[in-house]
Amino acid sequence: MWGRPTADATGHEVLELPAADDGLELPDDPLGSGDALRQVVARPDGFAAALGAGR
């Protein structure tokens, strides 16, 4: 079960979308759902860039 304190204790970056459902959609908010998806898709790029910076 999800618990923010447990996630924070890992020391890893966490993206939480509290208003989103399990499909990462915001009920009755298609523009907000698009923004949420944009955030999710951008995270791997940031992760990859951080890995490359450590070279």
C-alpha atoms as a PDB file:
ATOM      1  CA  MET A   1       0.000   0.000   0.000  1.00  0.00           C
ATOM      2  CA  TRP A   2       1.213   3.493  -0.855  1.00  0.00           C
ATOM      3  CA  GLY A   3       2.567   5.586   1.977  1.00  0.00           C
ATOM      4  CA  ARG A   4       4.272   8.932   1.425  1.00  0.00           C
ATOM      5  CA  PRO A   5       6.475   8.625   4.536  1.00  0.00           C
ATOM      6  CA  THR A   6       7.795   5.282   3.284  1.00  0.00           C
ATOM      7  CA  ALA A   7       8.450   6.710  -0.176  1.00  0.00           C
ATOM      8  CA  ASP A   8      10.263   9.714   1.304  1.00  0.00           C
ATOM      9  CA  ALA A   9      12.399   7.438   3.482  1.00  0.00           C
ATOM     10  CA  THR A  10      13.889   5.796   0.372  1.00  0.00           C
ATOM     11  CA  GLY A  11      15.671   9.013  -0.541  1.00  0.00           C
ATOM     12  CA  HIS A  12      14.495   8.690  -4.140  1.00  0.00           C
ATOM     13  CA  GLU A  13      12.598  11.324  -6.071  1.00  0.00           C
ATOM     14  CA  VAL A  14       8.863  10.646  -5.966  1.00  0.00           C
ATOM     15  CA  LEU A  15       6.181  12.005  -8.270  1.00  0.00           C
ATOM     16  CA  GLU A  16       2.808  12.003  -6.563  1.00  0.00           C
ATOM     17  CA  LEU A  17      -0.361  13.022  -8.384  1.00  0.00           C
ATOM     18  CA  PRO A  18      -2.889  12.955  -5.538  1.00  0.00           C
ATOM     19  CA  ALA A  19      -5.928  13.886  -7.635  1.00  0.00           C
ATOM     20  CA  ALA A  20      -5.179  11.297 -10.340  1.00  0.00           C
ATOM     21  CA  ASP A  21      -6.807   7.881 -10.513  1.00  0.00           C
ATOM     22  CA  ASP A  22      -4.983   4.600 -11.203  1.00  0.00           C
ATOM     23  CA  GLY A  23      -4.930   5.456 -14.910  1.00  0.00           C
ATOM     24  CA  LEU A  24      -3.208   8.764 -14.102  1.00  0.00           C
ATOM     25  CA  GLU A  25      -6.308  10.635 -15.228  1.00  0.00           C
ATOM     26  CA  LEU A  26      -8.035  13.468 -13.422  1.00  0.00           C
ATOM     27  CA  PRO A  27     -11.801  12.939 -13.437  1.00  0.00           C
ATOM     28  CA  ASP A  28     -13.626  15.501 -15.616  1.00  0.00           C
ATOM     29  CA  ASP A  29     -10.381  17.371 -16.331  1.00  0.00           C
ATOM     30  CA  PRO A  30      -8.872  16.399 -19.701  1.00  0.00           C
ATOM     31  CA  LEU A  31      -6.397  19.298 -19.698  1.00  0.00           C
ATOM     32  CA  GLY A  32      -5.235  18.432 -16.199  1.00  0.00           C
ATOM     33  CA  SER A  33      -4.910  14.792 -17.254  1.00  0.00           C
ATOM     34  CA  GLY A  34      -2.707  15.885 -20.141  1.00  0.00           C
ATOM     35  CA  ASP A  35      -0.529  17.903 -17.765  1.00  0.00           C
ATOM     36  CA  ALA A  36      -0.229  14.907 -15.428  1.00  0.00           C
ATOM     37  CA  LEU A  37       0.832  12.698 -18.329  1.00  0.00           C
ATOM     38  CA  ARG A  38       3.361  15.316 -19.386  1.00  0.00           C
ATOM     39  CA  GLN A  39       4.912  15.210 -15.890  1.00  0.00           C
ATOM     40  CA  VAL A  40       5.102  11.414 -15.937  1.00  0.00           C
ATOM     41  CA  VAL A  41       6.702  11.299 -19.396  1.00  0.00           C
ATOM     42  CA  ALA A  42       9.265  13.990 -18.504  1.00  0.00           C
ATOM     43  CA  ARG A  43      10.605  12.081 -15.493  1.00  0.00           C
ATOM     44  CA  PRO A  44      12.604   9.431 -17.399  1.00  0.00           C
ATOM     45  CA  ASP A  45      14.327  12.189 -19.392  1.00  0.00           C
ATOM     46  CA  GLY A  46      15.445  13.860 -16.170  1.00  0.00           C
ATOM     47  CA  PHE A  47      16.560  10.523 -14.749  1.00  0.00           C
ATOM     48  CA  ALA A  48      18.595   9.703 -17.866  1.00  0.00           C
ATOM     49  CA  ALA A  49      20.174  13.161 -17.880  1.00  0.00           C
ATOM     50  CA  ALA A  50      21.166  12.745 -14.235  1.00  0.00           C
ATOM     51  CA  LEU A  51      22.808   9.400 -15.040  1.00  0.00           C
ATOM     52  CA  GLY A  52      24.729  10.975 -17.908  1.00  0.00           C
ATOM     53  CA  ALA A  53      25.906  13.845 -15.690  1.00  0.00           C
ATOM     54  CA  GLY A  54      27.681  11.360 -13.425  1.00  0.00           C
ATOM     55  CA  ARG A  55      30.081  10.242 -16.169  1.00  0.00           C
END
